[in-house]
């Protein structure tokens, strides 16, 4: 990123597209002799955001917080999730479920238009979700929506989904990060940014910035802001400096030390929210060395999760184990499903049994931002005592996720963002053949229990299945979950009404305003 791109672009100079619009208004006022032409122009109400660069713009393929944040402003979800993990209406104003739990009917908002001026109808919903569930698409949502047998437009403002079997989490599935509604028959979903959302894109200059203006015709009410200016920062520390220097108004993806430092900074407001977000340290189980269970057992025995939580996260969040089901899921979390205490000598003995008499050398891939470098360094030191020599491979977010590296490498540390229910993680990262099964884990008993938990309407049966799943992952699973993290965000003092969501990219700017 150039120095110019990183510099302050405050006020009208920050948004060229909006400057032109404002200039045209002033010129027109002068031409008509309006008295407003001689009045001082009101300052633009623009929130300046600093995020990591993006790799994907097609909503079906987005994954990082940065990509989701941008898409969430341009498009709308059928159903949204609020900051308290509750379902919230968006394009769907109301819904009902048939007595057998297999048919969901949604009433759609009326008077909604896409940014190109065309009307939103039920056909757009049908087309969007048919696209997302198409098994030939290769999209991660194909698995998520495989239980849908039919989607039908009842009329322009009502749509019905029919399921193969009951799914107690179906409404939450419809609020998945990728489930943003596109205009039917969109030829190039990765171009054009034609959504129904509260902001429309007026300028996109990769890898520098993306600029948006408020959609004053937004069906749920025009945003209180005039626009958003989003600048891409490959280095989070530079974004922190820009916030402190007054060039940015909102940043996320902070490391723990950065968050701690900003709590003491003048002119900065910090936010923290507990989540089920976690990092998964995982080894591929389908090829050497991870196809030997003794190697994964050794990695577990070499790891001190409590120390990692205290050193890397400084106590923000909660200690992890071997499962993606964390303490925030109070009905499902089993604290007794914990891995054995750290024992590097026992880990070394297991590696020797597996044929690694002297040292096991591994490349560990991870993001070069946030707490990842600190976590990687701490793991490297812990594992060295067990005869494991780790070479840290730090890469940008866009490279790690954009090129699929996280799905290919033998050893990786992948961030899994918060979801409002635990079934998501099982279905997309751990069942046999799941689209994002980066560890290539496959266990028939696990799959049976995951299927039961994801289909039963009985809470006790579901909770029992989740407890058994957590124990399976402790006994023979592929994951080391050092901790469940709290999410950090920070704004300038002039920002009002911003509520950081557990998945920061879903943070809503529709009701954000700026202090006078």
Protein backbone atom coordinates (compact mmCIF):
# COMPACT_ATOMS: atom_id res chain seq x y z
CA UNK A 1 0.00 0.00 0.00
CA UNK A 2 1.39 3.42 -0.90
CA UNK A 3 2.11 6.16 1.58
CA UNK A 4 -0.61 8.22 -0.07
CA UNK A 5 -3.10 5.41 0.45
CA UNK A 6 -2.23 5.19 4.11
CA UNK A 7 -2.41 8.93 4.70
CA UNK A 8 -5.36 10.84 6.06
CA UNK A 9 -8.15 11.39 3.61
CA UNK A 10 -10.43 13.25 5.97
CA UNK A 11 -13.53 15.21 5.06
CA UNK A 12 -14.59 15.68 1.44
CA UNK A 13 -11.17 14.80 0.04
CA UNK A 14 -11.62 11.28 1.41
CA UNK A 15 -14.34 10.25 -1.03
CA UNK A 16 -13.83 11.33 -4.64
CA UNK A 17 -17.14 9.88 -5.81
CA UNK A 18 -19.01 11.80 -3.14
CA UNK A 19 -17.05 14.96 -3.80
CA UNK A 20 -18.23 14.94 -7.37
CA UNK A 21 -21.82 14.41 -6.26
CA UNK A 22 -21.61 17.29 -3.81
CA UNK A 23 -19.93 19.55 -6.36
CA UNK A 24 -22.75 18.86 -8.80
CA UNK A 25 -25.32 19.82 -6.16
CA UNK A 26 -23.54 23.07 -5.35
CA UNK A 27 -23.16 23.92 -9.05
CA UNK A 28 -26.84 23.31 -9.63
CA UNK A 29 -27.72 25.52 -6.65
CA UNK A 30 -25.55 28.33 -8.01
CA UNK A 31 -27.15 28.02 -11.41
CA UNK A 32 -30.64 28.41 -9.96
CA UNK A 33 -29.66 31.23 -7.64
CA UNK A 34 -30.43 29.22 -4.52
CA UNK A 35 -29.41 30.96 -1.30
CA UNK A 36 -27.95 27.65 -0.10
CA UNK A 37 -25.16 28.06 -2.64
CA UNK A 38 -23.60 30.79 -0.52
CA UNK A 39 -24.05 28.89 2.76
CA UNK A 40 -21.16 26.85 4.18
CA UNK A 41 -21.48 23.22 3.13
CA UNK A 42 -22.12 20.80 5.96
CA UNK A 43 -19.22 18.41 6.56
CA UNK A 44 -19.69 14.95 5.15
CA UNK A 45 -20.70 12.37 7.77
CA UNK A 46 -18.29 9.67 6.71
CA UNK A 47 -16.92 6.90 8.91
CA UNK A 48 -13.39 5.92 7.93
CA UNK A 49 -12.67 2.22 8.44
CA UNK A 50 -9.34 0.39 8.40
CA UNK A 51 -9.38 -3.35 7.62
CA UNK A 52 -7.24 -6.11 6.13
CA UNK A 53 -7.14 -6.37 2.31
CA UNK A 54 -9.79 -8.58 0.71
CA UNK A 55 -9.46 -11.43 -1.76
CA UNK A 56 -13.12 -12.22 -2.56
CA UNK A 57 -16.05 -10.00 -3.50
CA UNK A 58 -18.55 -12.69 -4.52
CA UNK A 59 -20.77 -13.12 -1.42
CA UNK A 60 -20.81 -16.89 -1.95
CA UNK A 61 -17.03 -17.02 -1.46
CA UNK A 62 -16.32 -14.43 1.22
CA UNK A 63 -14.74 -15.69 4.42
CA UNK A 64 -12.62 -13.07 6.18
CA UNK A 65 -14.01 -10.40 8.49
CA UNK A 66 -12.98 -7.75 5.98
CA UNK A 67 -14.84 -9.41 3.11
CA UNK A 68 -17.96 -9.96 5.21
CA UNK A 69 -17.92 -6.38 6.49
CA UNK A 70 -17.92 -4.97 2.96
CA UNK A 71 -20.59 -7.35 1.67
CA UNK A 72 -22.78 -6.72 4.72
CA UNK A 73 -23.06 -3.04 3.80
CA UNK A 74 -23.83 -3.60 0.12
CA UNK A 75 -26.25 -6.54 0.31
CA UNK A 76 -28.95 -7.73 2.71
CA UNK A 77 -29.57 -11.00 4.49
CA UNK A 78 -32.99 -12.61 4.50
CA UNK A 79 -32.56 -12.95 8.28
CA UNK A 80 -29.85 -11.24 10.29
CA UNK A 81 -28.21 -11.96 13.65
CA UNK A 82 -27.99 -9.13 16.17
CA UNK A 83 -25.15 -8.42 18.58
CA UNK A 84 -26.79 -10.74 21.17
CA UNK A 85 -26.97 -13.75 18.78
CA UNK A 86 -30.73 -13.36 18.28
CA UNK A 87 -32.53 -13.66 14.96
CA UNK A 88 -33.51 -10.32 13.46
CA UNK A 89 -35.68 -9.47 10.46
CA UNK A 90 -34.01 -7.95 7.43
CA UNK A 91 -35.42 -8.72 3.96
CA UNK A 92 -37.78 -11.17 5.62
CA UNK A 93 -40.24 -9.26 7.78
CA UNK A 94 -41.93 -12.34 9.27
CA UNK A 95 -41.89 -16.12 8.99
CA UNK A 96 -43.84 -19.23 9.99
CA UNK A 97 -43.03 -22.94 10.29
CA UNK A 98 -45.32 -25.82 9.41
CA UNK A 99 -46.35 -28.23 12.23
CA UNK A 100 -44.02 -30.94 10.92
CA UNK A 101 -41.06 -28.52 10.89
CA UNK A 102 -40.34 -29.09 7.21
CA UNK A 103 -41.77 -25.95 5.59
CA UNK A 104 -40.70 -22.37 6.30
CA UNK A 105 -42.64 -19.50 4.76
CA UNK A 106 -41.22 -15.97 4.72
CA UNK A 107 -42.98 -12.67 4.13
CA UNK A 108 -40.67 -10.28 2.32
CA UNK A 109 -40.23 -6.55 2.71
CA UNK A 110 -41.98 -4.52 0.03
CA UNK A 111 -40.75 -1.44 -1.78
CA UNK A 112 -37.17 -2.75 -1.82
CA UNK A 113 -34.94 -1.95 -4.80
CA UNK A 114 -31.47 -2.98 -5.86
CA UNK A 115 -28.85 -0.29 -6.33
CA UNK A 116 -29.46 -0.43 -10.10
CA UNK A 117 -33.08 0.57 -9.49
CA UNK A 118 -34.71 -2.81 -10.19
CA UNK A 119 -37.30 -4.18 -7.77
CA UNK A 120 -36.49 -6.91 -5.27
CA UNK A 121 -38.88 -9.90 -5.35
CA UNK A 122 -39.13 -13.46 -4.11
CA UNK A 123 -37.50 -14.60 -7.34
CA UNK A 124 -34.22 -13.07 -6.17
CA UNK A 125 -34.38 -15.10 -2.96
CA UNK A 126 -35.07 -18.32 -4.87
CA UNK A 127 -32.22 -17.67 -7.32
CA UNK A 128 -29.75 -16.75 -4.55
CA UNK A 129 -30.35 -19.83 -2.43
CA UNK A 130 -30.59 -22.18 -5.41
CA UNK A 131 -27.14 -20.90 -6.36
CA UNK A 132 -25.77 -21.37 -2.86
CA UNK A 133 -27.12 -24.92 -2.52
CA UNK A 134 -26.08 -26.14 -5.97
CA UNK A 135 -23.75 -29.11 -5.34
CA UNK A 136 -21.94 -28.40 -8.61
CA UNK A 137 -21.04 -24.88 -7.51
CA UNK A 138 -18.28 -25.88 -5.13
CA UNK A 139 -19.50 -23.27 -2.65
CA UNK A 140 -19.14 -24.06 1.05
CA UNK A 141 -22.88 -23.45 1.45
CA UNK A 142 -23.69 -26.44 -0.78
CA UNK A 143 -23.27 -28.69 2.25
CA UNK A 144 -24.98 -26.26 4.58
CA UNK A 145 -28.11 -26.11 2.41
CA UNK A 146 -28.11 -29.71 1.17
CA UNK A 147 -31.18 -30.39 3.34
CA UNK A 148 -33.34 -28.01 1.27
CA UNK A 149 -35.48 -29.92 -1.24
CA UNK A 150 -37.36 -27.00 -2.75
CA UNK A 151 -37.51 -23.19 -2.74
CA UNK A 152 -40.66 -21.67 -4.21
CA UNK A 153 -41.87 -18.13 -4.79
CA UNK A 154 -45.49 -18.06 -3.60
CA UNK A 155 -45.82 -14.57 -5.06
CA UNK A 156 -43.55 -11.53 -5.39
CA UNK A 157 -43.43 -11.02 -1.63
CA UNK A 158 -43.56 -14.50 -0.15
CA UNK A 159 -41.21 -17.47 -0.45
CA UNK A 160 -41.32 -21.03 0.94
CA UNK A 161 -38.41 -23.34 1.77
CA UNK A 162 -39.08 -27.10 2.08
CA UNK A 163 -36.64 -29.32 3.99
CA UNK A 164 -35.79 -32.99 3.66
CA UNK A 165 -35.69 -33.38 7.44
CA UNK A 166 -36.16 -31.17 10.46
CA UNK A 167 -33.35 -28.78 11.24
CA UNK A 168 -33.59 -26.92 14.55
CA UNK A 169 -30.99 -24.41 13.34
CA UNK A 170 -32.43 -23.70 9.90
CA UNK A 171 -33.25 -20.05 10.56
CA UNK A 172 -29.69 -19.50 11.74
CA UNK A 173 -28.44 -21.27 8.59
CA UNK A 174 -30.29 -18.70 6.50
CA UNK A 175 -28.30 -16.02 8.31
CA UNK A 176 -24.97 -17.57 7.30
CA UNK A 177 -22.31 -15.04 6.27
CA UNK A 178 -22.59 -16.07 2.60
CA UNK A 179 -26.39 -15.86 2.42
CA UNK A 180 -26.61 -12.31 1.09
CA UNK A 181 -29.38 -11.91 -1.46
CA UNK A 182 -28.30 -11.08 -5.00
CA UNK A 183 -30.37 -10.00 -7.96
CA UNK A 184 -31.61 -13.02 -9.91
CA UNK A 185 -29.49 -14.01 -12.90
CA UNK A 186 -26.51 -11.90 -11.84
CA UNK A 187 -23.89 -12.91 -14.41
CA UNK A 188 -20.78 -11.87 -12.49
CA UNK A 189 -21.46 -11.87 -8.73
CA UNK A 190 -17.86 -10.82 -8.05
CA UNK A 191 -18.38 -7.54 -9.92
CA UNK A 192 -20.77 -4.64 -9.81
CA UNK A 193 -21.74 -4.70 -6.12
CA UNK A 194 -25.45 -4.55 -7.00
CA UNK A 195 -27.22 -5.15 -3.70
CA UNK A 196 -30.22 -3.86 -1.79
CA UNK A 197 -28.11 -2.85 1.21
CA UNK A 198 -27.78 0.41 3.14
CA UNK A 199 -24.66 1.53 1.25
CA UNK A 200 -23.72 1.46 -2.42
CA UNK A 201 -20.18 1.26 -3.79
CA UNK A 202 -19.01 4.35 -5.67
CA UNK A 203 -15.32 3.55 -5.91
CA UNK A 204 -13.25 0.38 -5.61
CA UNK A 205 -9.49 0.65 -6.00
CA UNK A 206 -7.88 -2.66 -5.05
CA UNK A 207 -5.71 -3.07 -3.07
CA UNK A 208 -6.12 0.47 -1.75
CA UNK A 209 -9.69 1.28 -0.76
CA UNK A 210 -13.39 0.90 -1.32
CA UNK A 211 -15.73 3.85 -0.92
CA UNK A 212 -19.49 3.75 -0.32
CA UNK A 213 -22.27 6.30 -0.14
CA UNK A 214 -25.49 5.97 1.81
CA UNK A 215 -28.44 4.39 0.05
CA UNK A 216 -30.97 7.12 0.82
CA UNK A 217 -33.75 4.92 -0.59
CA UNK A 218 -32.94 2.03 1.75
CA UNK A 219 -36.19 0.24 2.59
CA UNK A 220 -35.55 0.15 6.34
CA UNK A 221 -34.67 3.84 6.49
CA UNK A 222 -31.73 5.79 5.19
CA UNK A 223 -28.48 5.40 7.18
CA UNK A 224 -27.52 8.28 9.44
CA UNK A 225 -24.13 8.48 7.74
CA UNK A 226 -23.39 9.92 4.31
CA UNK A 227 -20.93 7.17 3.54
CA UNK A 228 -18.12 4.82 4.48
CA UNK A 229 -14.50 5.05 3.40
CA UNK A 230 -12.74 1.71 3.83
CA UNK A 231 -8.96 1.62 3.55
CA UNK A 232 -7.02 -1.63 3.34
CA UNK A 233 -4.11 -2.05 5.73
CA UNK A 234 -1.90 -5.12 5.37
CA UNK A 235 -0.39 -4.25 8.76
CA UNK A 236 -2.83 -3.84 11.65
CA UNK A 237 -0.31 -1.77 13.60
CA UNK A 238 -0.48 0.87 10.86
CA UNK A 239 -4.27 0.96 11.24
CA UNK A 240 -3.87 1.40 15.00
CA UNK A 241 -1.55 4.35 14.40
CA UNK A 242 -4.03 5.85 11.92
CA UNK A 243 -6.85 5.57 14.48
CA UNK A 244 -4.76 7.25 17.15
CA UNK A 245 -3.70 9.91 14.65
CA UNK A 246 -7.29 10.77 13.76
CA UNK A 247 -7.22 9.36 10.21
CA UNK A 248 -9.55 6.41 10.97
CA UNK A 249 -12.78 5.99 12.92
CA UNK A 250 -13.08 2.20 13.26
CA UNK A 251 -10.71 -0.75 13.30
CA UNK A 252 -11.08 -4.42 14.22
CA UNK A 253 -8.96 -7.57 14.26
CA UNK A 254 -6.76 -6.17 17.00
CA UNK A 255 -4.16 -8.18 18.82
CA UNK A 256 -4.46 -8.32 22.60
CA UNK A 257 -1.51 -5.92 23.18
CA UNK A 258 -3.00 -3.48 20.68
CA UNK A 259 -6.35 -3.58 22.44
CA UNK A 260 -4.72 -3.05 25.84
CA UNK A 261 -2.77 -0.07 24.52
CA UNK A 262 -5.87 1.53 23.00
CA UNK A 263 -7.82 1.31 26.27
CA UNK A 264 -5.43 4.03 27.52
CA UNK A 265 -5.33 6.11 24.34
CA UNK A 266 -6.82 9.61 24.17
CA UNK A 267 -9.72 10.11 21.78
CA UNK A 268 -10.34 6.36 21.36
CA UNK A 269 -13.24 4.18 22.47
CA UNK A 270 -12.68 0.42 22.81
CA UNK A 271 -15.17 -2.43 22.64
CA UNK A 272 -14.88 -6.08 23.69
CA UNK A 273 -17.38 -8.91 23.27
CA UNK A 274 -17.18 -12.57 24.32
CA UNK A 275 -17.55 -15.04 21.47
CA UNK A 276 -17.20 -18.66 20.45
CA UNK A 277 -14.54 -17.61 17.98
CA UNK A 278 -11.41 -19.70 18.26
CA UNK A 279 -8.18 -20.63 16.54
CA UNK A 280 -7.76 -24.22 15.42
CA UNK A 281 -4.26 -25.61 15.42
CA UNK A 282 -4.64 -28.66 13.23
CA UNK A 283 -2.60 -31.28 11.42
CA UNK A 284 -3.91 -32.99 8.30
CA UNK A 285 -4.93 -36.54 9.15
CA UNK A 286 -4.93 -37.93 5.61
CA UNK A 287 -1.17 -37.97 5.03
CA UNK A 288 2.11 -38.18 6.88
CA UNK A 289 2.86 -37.20 9.58
CA UNK A 290 -0.74 -36.53 10.72
CA UNK A 291 -2.08 -39.90 9.59
CA UNK A 292 -0.31 -41.44 12.59
CA UNK A 293 -2.55 -40.82 15.65
CA UNK A 294 0.53 -40.82 17.87
CA UNK A 295 1.75 -37.61 16.24
CA UNK A 296 -1.46 -35.73 17.00
CA UNK A 297 -1.46 -37.13 20.53
CA UNK A 298 2.10 -35.87 20.91
CA UNK A 299 1.15 -32.36 19.77
CA UNK A 300 -1.62 -32.33 22.36
CA UNK A 301 0.71 -33.50 25.12
CA UNK A 302 3.25 -30.84 24.13
CA UNK A 303 0.71 -28.02 24.40
CA UNK A 304 -0.10 -25.98 27.52
CA UNK A 305 -3.42 -24.33 26.65
CA UNK A 306 -3.73 -22.44 29.94
CA UNK A 307 -0.35 -20.83 29.39
CA UNK A 308 -1.24 -19.88 25.81
CA UNK A 309 -4.48 -18.32 27.00
CA UNK A 310 -2.74 -16.26 29.66
CA UNK A 311 0.30 -15.25 27.61
CA UNK A 312 -1.30 -14.63 24.22
CA UNK A 313 -4.83 -13.56 25.17
CA UNK A 314 -4.01 -12.09 28.60
CA UNK A 315 -7.14 -13.67 30.04
CA UNK A 316 -9.62 -12.24 27.52
CA UNK A 317 -11.99 -15.05 26.54
CA UNK A 318 -11.72 -18.62 27.87
CA UNK A 319 -9.35 -21.59 27.75
CA UNK A 320 -9.96 -24.06 24.94
CA UNK A 321 -9.64 -27.82 24.61
CA UNK A 322 -10.06 -30.01 21.51
CA UNK A 323 -13.53 -29.00 20.34
CA UNK A 324 -15.19 -26.01 18.65
CA UNK A 325 -17.99 -26.12 21.22
CA UNK A 326 -17.12 -23.45 23.76
CA UNK A 327 -18.45 -22.11 27.07
CA UNK A 328 -20.74 -19.52 25.46
CA UNK A 329 -22.96 -22.44 24.41
CA UNK A 330 -24.16 -22.98 27.95
CA UNK A 331 -26.63 -25.76 27.03
CA UNK A 332 -24.02 -27.80 25.17
CA UNK A 333 -20.54 -27.17 26.57
CA UNK A 334 -18.97 -30.00 28.60
CA UNK A 335 -16.11 -28.74 30.83
CA UNK A 336 -15.14 -32.32 31.69
CA UNK A 337 -14.11 -33.03 28.07
CA UNK A 338 -10.59 -31.78 28.59
CA UNK A 339 -7.29 -33.01 27.12
CA UNK A 340 -4.56 -34.54 29.32
CA UNK A 341 -2.14 -32.25 31.17
CA UNK A 342 0.95 -31.13 29.33
CA UNK A 343 3.73 -33.73 29.34
CA UNK A 344 6.49 -32.98 26.80
CA UNK A 345 8.46 -36.07 27.74
CA UNK A 346 5.49 -38.33 27.06
CA UNK A 347 5.00 -36.45 23.78
CA UNK A 348 8.64 -37.12 22.83
CA UNK A 349 8.22 -40.83 23.63
CA UNK A 350 5.17 -41.05 21.35
CA UNK A 351 7.09 -39.40 18.52
CA UNK A 352 9.93 -41.85 18.94
CA UNK A 353 7.42 -44.71 18.70
CA UNK A 354 6.12 -43.13 15.50
CA UNK A 355 9.63 -43.19 14.01
CA UNK A 356 10.82 -39.67 14.78
CA UNK A 357 13.87 -40.61 16.84
CA UNK A 358 15.53 -37.20 16.88
CA UNK A 359 13.22 -34.41 15.78
CA UNK A 360 9.94 -33.87 13.93
CA UNK A 361 10.21 -30.88 11.60
CA UNK A 362 7.03 -29.04 10.60
CA UNK A 363 6.12 -25.85 8.75
CA UNK A 364 3.32 -24.03 10.56
CA UNK A 365 1.23 -21.61 8.46
CA UNK A 366 -0.75 -18.77 9.99
CA UNK A 367 -1.82 -15.16 9.45
CA UNK A 368 0.74 -12.40 9.94
CA UNK A 369 -1.66 -10.25 11.93
CA UNK A 370 -3.47 -10.10 15.27
CA UNK A 371 -2.35 -12.61 17.90
CA UNK A 372 -1.25 -15.25 15.38
CA UNK A 373 2.49 -14.44 15.42
CA UNK A 374 2.53 -14.48 19.23
CA UNK A 375 0.61 -17.77 19.33
CA UNK A 376 2.91 -19.34 16.78
CA UNK A 377 6.01 -18.28 18.72
CA UNK A 378 4.59 -19.61 21.98
CA UNK A 379 3.68 -22.97 20.41
CA UNK A 380 7.11 -23.22 18.80
CA UNK A 381 8.73 -22.82 22.21
CA UNK A 382 6.41 -25.32 23.92
CA UNK A 383 6.74 -27.96 21.23
CA UNK A 384 10.54 -27.67 21.08
CA UNK A 385 10.67 -29.35 24.49
CA UNK A 386 9.02 -32.40 22.93
CA UNK A 387 11.42 -32.62 20.00
CA UNK A 388 9.19 -30.79 17.52
CA UNK A 389 10.99 -28.20 15.38
CA UNK A 390 8.49 -25.72 13.95
CA UNK A 391 9.22 -23.21 11.19
CA UNK A 392 6.70 -20.34 11.34
CA UNK A 393 5.23 -19.31 7.98
CA UNK A 394 3.44 -15.95 8.39
CA UNK A 395 1.26 -14.91 5.44
CA UNK A 396 -1.32 -12.15 4.79
CA UNK A 397 -4.99 -12.95 5.32
CA UNK A 398 -5.80 -12.65 1.63
CA UNK A 399 -3.10 -15.17 0.75
CA UNK A 400 -3.91 -17.65 3.52
CA UNK A 401 -7.61 -17.81 2.67
CA UNK A 402 -7.69 -16.49 -0.88
CA UNK A 403 -5.47 -19.15 -2.41
CA UNK A 404 -6.88 -21.99 -0.31
CA UNK A 405 -3.55 -22.44 1.44
CA UNK A 406 -5.30 -23.09 4.73
CA UNK A 407 -7.02 -26.13 3.20
CA UNK A 408 -3.84 -27.55 1.70
CA UNK A 409 -1.03 -27.19 4.21
CA UNK A 410 -0.11 -30.00 6.62
CA UNK A 411 0.00 -27.82 9.73
CA UNK A 412 -1.94 -24.61 10.06
CA UNK A 413 -3.52 -22.21 12.54
CA UNK A 414 -6.90 -21.10 11.26
CA UNK A 415 -9.22 -18.60 12.84
CA UNK A 416 -12.84 -19.70 13.05
CA UNK A 417 -15.19 -16.84 13.72
CA UNK A 418 -18.12 -16.87 16.10
CA UNK A 419 -21.35 -18.52 15.05
CA UNK A 420 -24.59 -18.31 17.05
CA UNK A 421 -24.90 -22.10 17.28
CA UNK A 422 -22.33 -24.97 17.34
CA UNK A 423 -23.68 -27.20 14.57
CA UNK A 424 -22.13 -24.99 11.91
CA UNK A 425 -18.60 -25.98 12.90
CA UNK A 426 -19.38 -29.69 12.85
CA UNK A 427 -21.04 -29.57 9.46
CA UNK A 428 -18.47 -27.49 7.60
CA UNK A 429 -15.15 -28.36 9.25
CA UNK A 430 -15.33 -31.83 10.82
CA UNK A 431 -17.80 -34.27 9.23
CA UNK A 432 -16.36 -36.53 6.52
CA UNK A 433 -15.86 -34.64 3.27
CA UNK A 434 -17.05 -31.27 4.59
CA UNK A 435 -16.16 -28.36 2.33
CA UNK A 436 -13.87 -26.72 4.91
CA UNK A 437 -12.57 -29.88 6.56
CA UNK A 438 -9.01 -28.56 6.62
CA UNK A 439 -7.77 -31.43 8.81
CA UNK A 440 -9.40 -34.05 6.54
CA UNK A 441 -10.80 -35.67 9.66
CA UNK A 442 -13.30 -38.50 9.11
CA UNK A 443 -14.91 -40.52 11.90
CA UNK A 444 -18.20 -42.45 11.36
CA UNK A 445 -19.23 -42.24 15.02
CA UNK A 446 -18.62 -38.50 15.01
CA UNK A 447 -20.70 -38.13 11.84
CA UNK A 448 -23.58 -40.11 13.33
CA UNK A 449 -23.67 -37.93 16.43
CA UNK A 450 -23.32 -34.73 14.40
CA UNK A 451 -26.26 -35.80 12.26
CA UNK A 452 -28.35 -36.50 15.34
CA UNK A 453 -27.49 -33.17 16.99
CA UNK A 454 -28.31 -31.30 13.79
CA UNK A 455 -31.71 -32.89 13.28
CA UNK A 456 -33.36 -33.56 16.63
CA UNK A 457 -35.80 -31.06 18.08
CA UNK A 458 -35.22 -32.45 21.58
CA UNK A 459 -32.78 -30.27 23.53
CA UNK A 460 -31.64 -33.06 25.89
CA UNK A 461 -30.91 -35.45 23.02
CA UNK A 462 -28.97 -32.73 21.23
CA UNK A 463 -27.01 -31.80 24.35
CA UNK A 464 -26.10 -35.45 24.96
CA UNK A 465 -24.84 -35.80 21.38
CA UNK A 466 -22.72 -32.67 21.72
CA UNK A 467 -21.16 -33.94 24.94
CA UNK A 468 -20.21 -37.22 23.25
CA UNK A 469 -18.80 -35.29 20.30
CA UNK A 470 -16.57 -33.24 22.58
CA UNK A 471 -15.17 -36.41 24.16
CA UNK A 472 -14.49 -37.99 20.75
CA UNK A 473 -12.50 -34.92 19.75
CA UNK A 474 -10.49 -35.13 22.97
CA UNK A 475 -9.77 -38.83 22.44
CA UNK A 476 -9.01 -38.89 18.71
CA UNK A 477 -9.81 -35.54 17.14
CA UNK A 478 -7.47 -33.44 14.96
CA UNK A 479 -7.77 -30.09 16.75
CA UNK A 480 -5.89 -28.16 19.36
CA UNK A 481 -8.05 -25.21 20.43
CA UNK A 482 -5.83 -23.03 22.64
CA UNK A 483 -8.60 -20.60 23.55
CA UNK A 484 -11.92 -19.05 22.66
CA UNK A 485 -11.27 -15.39 22.10
CA UNK A 486 -13.03 -12.19 22.88
CA UNK A 487 -13.33 -9.83 19.92
CA UNK A 488 -11.80 -6.37 20.08
CA UNK A 489 -12.75 -3.22 18.24
CA UNK A 490 -11.95 0.45 18.58
CA UNK A 491 -13.48 3.68 17.32
CA UNK A 492 -12.74 7.36 17.44
CA UNK A 493 -14.69 9.34 20.01
CA UNK A 494 -16.85 10.88 17.34
CA UNK A 495 -18.50 7.54 16.46
CA UNK A 496 -21.84 6.89 18.15
CA UNK A 497 -24.16 3.87 18.14
CA UNK A 498 -21.68 1.27 16.88
CA UNK A 499 -22.15 -2.14 18.52
CA UNK A 500 -19.40 -4.63 17.76
CA UNK A 501 -20.80 -8.04 16.87
CA UNK A 502 -19.25 -11.37 17.92
CA UNK A 503 -18.37 -11.81 14.22
CA UNK A 504 -16.92 -8.31 13.71
CA UNK A 505 -17.53 -8.33 9.97
CA UNK A 506 -21.26 -8.47 10.65
CA UNK A 507 -21.10 -5.18 12.59
CA UNK A 508 -23.98 -2.99 11.47
CA UNK A 509 -23.41 0.61 10.31
CA UNK A 510 -27.05 1.36 9.50
CA UNK A 511 -27.64 3.20 12.79
CA UNK A 512 -24.15 4.52 13.39
CA UNK A 513 -23.80 8.29 13.58
CA UNK A 514 -21.09 10.88 14.15
CA UNK A 515 -20.98 13.38 16.99
CA UNK A 516 -21.41 16.98 15.86
